[in-house]
Each structure stands twice: as C-alpha cells, then as structure tokens.
Amino acid sequence: MKKAPAIPDELIPEVVAQTILQEVVVATEYQVADQPRLIEYLCERARRSAEANESTRRKLRGAQGREWLYSFMRHWLAAELDRTQPAVFRRLHARFAMGEPARPWRTERAYLLDTSG
C-alpha cells in the first residue's frame, strides 16, 4: 500500500511560496534577493516538517490546510529574511512572523506614525 504524501498534492507548496514572496515584495516595496533559493528552502522546510510531525500533517490535510501552509511559510520566511536580508525583514510588520499576511509598508508606516490617539 502506497503511503500518502506528507503534504497533500492540491496544496502545491511552490505556488504558495511564490505567492508569499510576491506578497513581501509588494508590501515592503523592496526586491527580495535570491527568490529561487527561498522558494526551494520554503518547500523543503514544509516537506521536512510534514514528514517529521503528525500534528503538522493533520493541519495540512484538514479543511484549513492551505491557510496553515501559508502561515507556516510566512513564519519560516520571516526568520530566513531576518537572518539573510534584514532590511527587507525590518519593513515587515511583526505579525508576519506569526503567519499573518504582509501589509503594505506605507500603510504600516502610517499606522506607526499616527499620533492622533
């Protein structure tokens, strides 16, 4: 009997990784360097995490599997950007590292500079 893949085929980690990187580029207004390596890193990290952890596999196979994969990959990408491209990382809001989508830099900056309240 053939073992099911650790990550369901319909999630397509490469597409998720590309989407998140594009989200970061748009939000930060910076060009993220070495995107092919980052995509490969995120996909490999997802595969290894799913193979090693039953809880991760369950989350990825559940009804919210796609959202979990996006969240995991945002978290991993934030850590990698902090290590390798700190200027890009600093333009991301703190919740990106917790899996939330990137917000546009101008919006985030305006929020931080708002002294009205």
N, C-alpha and C. Protein backbone atom coordinates (compact mmCIF):
# COMPACT_ATOMS: atom_id res chain seq x y z
N MET A 1 0.83 -1.18 0.00
CA MET A 1 0.00 0.00 0.00
C MET A 1 0.89 1.25 0.00
N LYS A 2 0.60 2.16 -0.92
CA LYS A 2 1.41 3.36 -1.06
C LYS A 2 1.07 4.37 0.04
N LYS A 3 2.11 4.94 0.63
CA LYS A 3 1.96 5.92 1.70
C LYS A 3 1.52 7.26 1.10
N ALA A 4 0.58 7.93 1.77
CA ALA A 4 0.12 9.24 1.32
C ALA A 4 1.25 10.25 1.46
N PRO A 5 1.32 11.23 0.55
CA PRO A 5 2.37 12.25 0.67
C PRO A 5 2.18 13.07 1.94
N ALA A 6 3.27 13.55 2.50
CA ALA A 6 3.21 14.33 3.73
C ALA A 6 2.41 15.61 3.53
N ILE A 7 2.55 16.23 2.36
CA ILE A 7 1.80 17.44 2.03
C ILE A 7 0.83 17.06 0.91
N PRO A 8 -0.47 17.29 1.10
CA PRO A 8 -1.44 16.95 0.05
C PRO A 8 -1.08 17.62 -1.29
N ASP A 9 -1.21 16.86 -2.36
CA ASP A 9 -0.83 17.34 -3.70
C ASP A 9 -1.53 18.64 -4.09
N GLU A 10 -2.76 18.83 -3.65
CA GLU A 10 -3.51 20.01 -4.06
C GLU A 10 -2.99 21.31 -3.44
N LEU A 11 -2.13 21.24 -2.44
CA LEU A 11 -1.62 22.46 -1.82
C LEU A 11 -0.53 23.14 -2.64
N ILE A 12 0.24 22.39 -3.39
CA ILE A 12 1.29 22.91 -4.28
C ILE A 12 2.19 23.94 -3.57
N PRO A 13 3.10 23.47 -2.73
CA PRO A 13 3.95 24.37 -1.94
C PRO A 13 4.72 25.41 -2.76
N GLU A 14 5.12 25.07 -3.98
CA GLU A 14 5.85 26.02 -4.81
C GLU A 14 5.01 27.27 -5.10
N VAL A 15 3.73 27.07 -5.37
CA VAL A 15 2.84 28.20 -5.65
C VAL A 15 2.64 29.05 -4.39
N VAL A 16 2.47 28.39 -3.26
CA VAL A 16 2.31 29.11 -2.00
C VAL A 16 3.57 29.94 -1.71
N ALA A 17 4.74 29.36 -1.87
CA ALA A 17 6.00 30.07 -1.61
C ALA A 17 6.15 31.26 -2.56
N GLN A 18 5.86 31.09 -3.83
CA GLN A 18 5.95 32.19 -4.79
C GLN A 18 4.97 33.30 -4.43
N THR A 19 3.77 32.94 -4.03
CA THR A 19 2.76 33.92 -3.66
C THR A 19 3.20 34.74 -2.44
N ILE A 20 3.76 34.07 -1.44
CA ILE A 20 4.21 34.76 -0.24
C ILE A 20 5.37 35.71 -0.56
N LEU A 21 6.29 35.26 -1.39
CA LEU A 21 7.40 36.14 -1.77
C LEU A 21 6.90 37.37 -2.52
N GLN A 22 5.94 37.18 -3.40
CA GLN A 22 5.36 38.33 -4.12
C GLN A 22 4.66 39.26 -3.14
N GLU A 23 3.98 38.70 -2.17
CA GLU A 23 3.31 39.48 -1.12
C GLU A 23 4.33 40.35 -0.38
N VAL A 24 5.50 39.79 -0.08
CA VAL A 24 6.55 40.53 0.62
C VAL A 24 7.10 41.65 -0.26
N VAL A 25 7.32 41.36 -1.53
CA VAL A 25 7.84 42.37 -2.46
C VAL A 25 6.87 43.56 -2.55
N VAL A 26 5.60 43.27 -2.69
CA VAL A 26 4.59 44.33 -2.80
C VAL A 26 4.49 45.10 -1.49
N ALA A 27 4.48 44.40 -0.37
CA ALA A 27 4.30 45.04 0.93
C ALA A 27 5.49 45.90 1.33
N THR A 28 6.69 45.42 1.07
CA THR A 28 7.90 46.13 1.52
C THR A 28 8.41 47.14 0.50
N GLU A 29 7.99 46.99 -0.73
CA GLU A 29 8.50 47.81 -1.84
C GLU A 29 9.99 47.58 -2.06
N TYR A 30 10.48 46.42 -1.66
CA TYR A 30 11.87 46.01 -1.86
C TYR A 30 11.87 44.78 -2.75
N GLN A 31 12.92 44.63 -3.52
CA GLN A 31 13.10 43.40 -4.28
C GLN A 31 13.78 42.38 -3.38
N VAL A 32 13.17 41.24 -3.20
CA VAL A 32 13.74 40.19 -2.37
C VAL A 32 14.78 39.44 -3.21
N ALA A 33 16.00 39.39 -2.71
CA ALA A 33 17.08 38.72 -3.43
C ALA A 33 16.97 37.21 -3.30
N ASP A 34 17.50 36.51 -4.29
CA ASP A 34 17.64 35.06 -4.26
C ASP A 34 16.30 34.32 -4.09
N GLN A 35 15.29 34.77 -4.82
CA GLN A 35 13.96 34.18 -4.69
C GLN A 35 13.90 32.69 -5.01
N PRO A 36 14.58 32.20 -6.05
CA PRO A 36 14.53 30.75 -6.30
C PRO A 36 15.04 29.93 -5.11
N ARG A 37 16.11 30.38 -4.46
CA ARG A 37 16.62 29.67 -3.29
C ARG A 37 15.61 29.70 -2.15
N LEU A 38 14.96 30.85 -1.95
CA LEU A 38 13.97 30.96 -0.88
C LEU A 38 12.76 30.06 -1.14
N ILE A 39 12.34 29.97 -2.38
CA ILE A 39 11.22 29.08 -2.73
C ILE A 39 11.60 27.64 -2.44
N GLU A 40 12.79 27.25 -2.86
CA GLU A 40 13.27 25.89 -2.60
C GLU A 40 13.37 25.63 -1.09
N TYR A 41 13.89 26.61 -0.36
CA TYR A 41 14.02 26.48 1.10
C TYR A 41 12.65 26.28 1.75
N LEU A 42 11.67 27.11 1.38
CA LEU A 42 10.34 27.00 1.98
C LEU A 42 9.67 25.67 1.66
N CYS A 43 9.81 25.21 0.44
CA CYS A 43 9.20 23.93 0.04
C CYS A 43 9.85 22.76 0.78
N GLU A 44 11.17 22.80 0.87
CA GLU A 44 11.88 21.73 1.58
C GLU A 44 11.54 21.75 3.07
N ARG A 45 11.45 22.93 3.63
CA ARG A 45 11.10 23.06 5.06
C ARG A 45 9.69 22.51 5.31
N ALA A 46 8.76 22.81 4.43
CA ALA A 46 7.39 22.31 4.57
C ALA A 46 7.38 20.78 4.47
N ARG A 47 8.11 20.24 3.49
CA ARG A 47 8.15 18.79 3.33
C ARG A 47 8.73 18.11 4.56
N ARG A 48 9.88 18.62 5.04
CA ARG A 48 10.51 18.02 6.21
C ARG A 48 9.64 18.13 7.47
N SER A 49 9.01 19.27 7.64
CA SER A 49 8.14 19.46 8.81
C SER A 49 6.95 18.52 8.78
N ALA A 50 6.35 18.38 7.61
CA ALA A 50 5.20 17.49 7.48
C ALA A 50 5.59 16.02 7.67
N GLU A 51 6.75 15.64 7.17
CA GLU A 51 7.20 14.26 7.34
C GLU A 51 7.53 13.94 8.79
N ALA A 52 8.04 14.93 9.51
CA ALA A 52 8.52 14.68 10.87
C ALA A 52 7.46 14.87 11.95
N ASN A 53 6.34 15.50 11.63
CA ASN A 53 5.41 15.90 12.68
C ASN A 53 3.96 15.56 12.30
N GLU A 54 3.37 14.65 13.04
CA GLU A 54 1.99 14.23 12.77
C GLU A 54 1.01 15.39 12.91
N SER A 55 1.23 16.26 13.88
CA SER A 55 0.34 17.41 14.08
C SER A 55 0.35 18.32 12.84
N THR A 56 1.52 18.56 12.28
CA THR A 56 1.63 19.37 11.07
C THR A 56 0.91 18.69 9.91
N ARG A 57 1.10 17.38 9.77
CA ARG A 57 0.42 16.64 8.69
C ARG A 57 -1.09 16.77 8.82
N ARG A 58 -1.61 16.61 10.05
CA ARG A 58 -3.06 16.74 10.27
C ARG A 58 -3.56 18.12 9.88
N LYS A 59 -2.81 19.15 10.28
CA LYS A 59 -3.22 20.52 9.95
C LYS A 59 -3.25 20.73 8.44
N LEU A 60 -2.23 20.23 7.74
CA LEU A 60 -2.17 20.42 6.29
C LEU A 60 -3.23 19.62 5.55
N ARG A 61 -3.68 18.52 6.11
CA ARG A 61 -4.71 17.71 5.47
C ARG A 61 -6.12 18.16 5.83
N GLY A 62 -6.25 19.04 6.82
CA GLY A 62 -7.56 19.49 7.29
C GLY A 62 -8.19 20.51 6.36
N ALA A 63 -9.37 20.94 6.74
CA ALA A 63 -10.14 21.90 5.94
C ALA A 63 -9.40 23.22 5.77
N GLN A 64 -8.55 23.57 6.72
CA GLN A 64 -7.80 24.82 6.66
C GLN A 64 -6.34 24.59 6.26
N GLY A 65 -6.08 23.50 5.55
CA GLY A 65 -4.71 23.12 5.19
C GLY A 65 -3.95 24.19 4.44
N ARG A 66 -4.59 24.82 3.47
CA ARG A 66 -3.92 25.85 2.68
C ARG A 66 -3.54 27.04 3.57
N GLU A 67 -4.45 27.44 4.46
CA GLU A 67 -4.17 28.56 5.36
C GLU A 67 -3.01 28.23 6.31
N TRP A 68 -2.97 26.98 6.78
CA TRP A 68 -1.86 26.56 7.64
C TRP A 68 -0.53 26.62 6.88
N LEU A 69 -0.53 26.16 5.63
CA LEU A 69 0.71 26.18 4.85
C LEU A 69 1.18 27.62 4.63
N TYR A 70 0.26 28.51 4.31
CA TYR A 70 0.62 29.93 4.16
C TYR A 70 1.22 30.46 5.47
N SER A 71 0.58 30.15 6.57
CA SER A 71 1.03 30.64 7.87
C SER A 71 2.43 30.11 8.22
N PHE A 72 2.61 28.79 8.06
CA PHE A 72 3.92 28.19 8.33
C PHE A 72 5.00 28.84 7.47
N MET A 73 4.72 28.97 6.16
CA MET A 73 5.73 29.50 5.25
C MET A 73 6.04 30.97 5.55
N ARG A 74 5.04 31.76 5.93
CA ARG A 74 5.32 33.14 6.30
C ARG A 74 6.26 33.18 7.51
N HIS A 75 5.99 32.33 8.48
CA HIS A 75 6.83 32.27 9.68
C HIS A 75 8.27 31.91 9.32
N TRP A 76 8.44 30.87 8.52
CA TRP A 76 9.79 30.44 8.13
C TRP A 76 10.49 31.49 7.29
N LEU A 77 9.74 32.12 6.38
CA LEU A 77 10.33 33.16 5.53
C LEU A 77 10.77 34.35 6.38
N ALA A 78 9.98 34.75 7.35
CA ALA A 78 10.36 35.86 8.22
C ALA A 78 11.70 35.57 8.90
N ALA A 79 11.85 34.38 9.43
CA ALA A 79 13.10 34.02 10.11
C ALA A 79 14.27 34.04 9.13
N GLU A 80 14.06 33.53 7.94
CA GLU A 80 15.14 33.50 6.94
C GLU A 80 15.49 34.90 6.47
N LEU A 81 14.50 35.76 6.28
CA LEU A 81 14.77 37.14 5.88
C LEU A 81 15.49 37.90 7.00
N ASP A 82 15.11 37.66 8.23
CA ASP A 82 15.79 38.30 9.35
C ASP A 82 17.27 37.93 9.35
N ARG A 83 17.55 36.69 9.01
CA ARG A 83 18.93 36.21 9.00
C ARG A 83 19.72 36.69 7.79
N THR A 84 19.07 36.70 6.61
CA THR A 84 19.81 36.94 5.36
C THR A 84 19.55 38.29 4.71
N GLN A 85 18.38 38.89 4.95
CA GLN A 85 18.03 40.16 4.31
C GLN A 85 17.32 41.05 5.33
N PRO A 86 18.05 41.50 6.34
CA PRO A 86 17.42 42.24 7.44
C PRO A 86 16.71 43.52 7.02
N ALA A 87 17.15 44.18 5.95
CA ALA A 87 16.46 45.40 5.50
C ALA A 87 15.04 45.09 5.06
N VAL A 88 14.85 43.96 4.38
CA VAL A 88 13.51 43.54 3.97
C VAL A 88 12.71 43.14 5.21
N PHE A 89 13.31 42.37 6.07
CA PHE A 89 12.62 41.90 7.27
C PHE A 89 12.11 43.07 8.11
N ARG A 90 12.91 44.11 8.26
CA ARG A 90 12.52 45.26 9.09
C ARG A 90 11.31 45.99 8.54
N ARG A 91 11.03 45.84 7.25
CA ARG A 91 9.87 46.52 6.66
C ARG A 91 8.58 45.69 6.80
N LEU A 92 8.69 44.49 7.33
CA LEU A 92 7.52 43.65 7.55
C LEU A 92 6.97 43.92 8.95
N HIS A 93 5.64 43.89 9.08
CA HIS A 93 5.07 44.06 10.41
C HIS A 93 5.34 42.82 11.25
N ALA A 94 5.35 42.98 12.55
CA ALA A 94 5.73 41.90 13.47
C ALA A 94 4.85 40.67 13.33
N ARG A 95 3.59 40.84 13.02
CA ARG A 95 2.67 39.70 12.94
C ARG A 95 2.92 38.83 11.71
N PHE A 96 3.70 39.31 10.74
CA PHE A 96 4.05 38.48 9.58
C PHE A 96 4.79 37.24 10.05
N ALA A 97 5.68 37.40 11.03
CA ALA A 97 6.44 36.27 11.55
C ALA A 97 5.56 35.28 12.29
N MET A 98 4.33 35.67 12.58
CA MET A 98 3.38 34.77 13.24
C MET A 98 2.39 34.20 12.22
N GLY A 99 2.62 34.46 10.94
CA GLY A 99 1.82 33.85 9.90
C GLY A 99 0.79 34.75 9.25
N GLU A 100 0.69 35.99 9.67
CA GLU A 100 -0.30 36.89 9.06
C GLU A 100 0.22 37.43 7.74
N PRO A 101 -0.67 37.73 6.81
CA PRO A 101 -0.24 38.29 5.53
C PRO A 101 0.50 39.62 5.72
N ALA A 102 1.40 39.90 4.79
CA ALA A 102 2.15 41.16 4.83
C ALA A 102 1.20 42.31 4.50
N ARG A 103 1.36 43.40 5.23
CA ARG A 103 0.60 44.62 4.95
C ARG A 103 1.51 45.58 4.20
N PRO A 104 0.94 46.41 3.34
CA PRO A 104 1.78 47.37 2.62
C PRO A 104 2.58 48.25 3.56
N TRP A 105 3.83 48.48 3.22
CA TRP A 105 4.75 49.25 4.04
C TRP A 105 4.20 50.64 4.33
N ARG A 106 3.65 51.30 3.34
CA ARG A 106 3.14 52.66 3.54
C ARG A 106 2.02 52.67 4.57
N THR A 107 1.15 51.69 4.53
CA THR A 107 0.06 51.59 5.50
C THR A 107 0.62 51.32 6.89
N GLU A 108 1.55 50.41 7.00
CA GLU A 108 2.16 50.08 8.28
C GLU A 108 2.90 51.29 8.84
N ARG A 109 3.62 51.98 7.99
CA ARG A 109 4.37 53.17 8.41
C ARG A 109 3.42 54.26 8.89
N ALA A 110 2.33 54.47 8.18
CA ALA A 110 1.35 55.48 8.60
C ALA A 110 0.75 55.11 9.96
N TYR A 111 0.50 53.84 10.17
CA TYR A 111 -0.02 53.39 11.45
C TYR A 111 0.97 53.68 12.58
N LEU A 112 2.24 53.40 12.34
CA LEU A 112 3.26 53.62 13.35
C LEU A 112 3.47 55.11 13.65
N LEU A 113 3.27 55.95 12.64
CA LEU A 113 3.48 57.38 12.82
C LEU A 113 2.24 58.13 13.32
N ASP A 114 1.10 57.44 13.38
CA ASP A 114 -0.14 58.07 13.80
C ASP A 114 -0.05 58.45 15.29
N THR A 115 -0.18 59.73 15.56
CA THR A 115 -0.12 60.21 16.95
C THR A 115 -1.47 60.77 17.40
N SER A 116 -2.52 60.48 16.66
CA SER A 116 -3.84 61.06 16.97
C SER A 116 -4.51 60.45 18.18
N GLY A 117 -4.09 59.27 18.60
CA GLY A 117 -4.86 58.62 19.65
C GLY A 117 -4.14 58.31 20.84
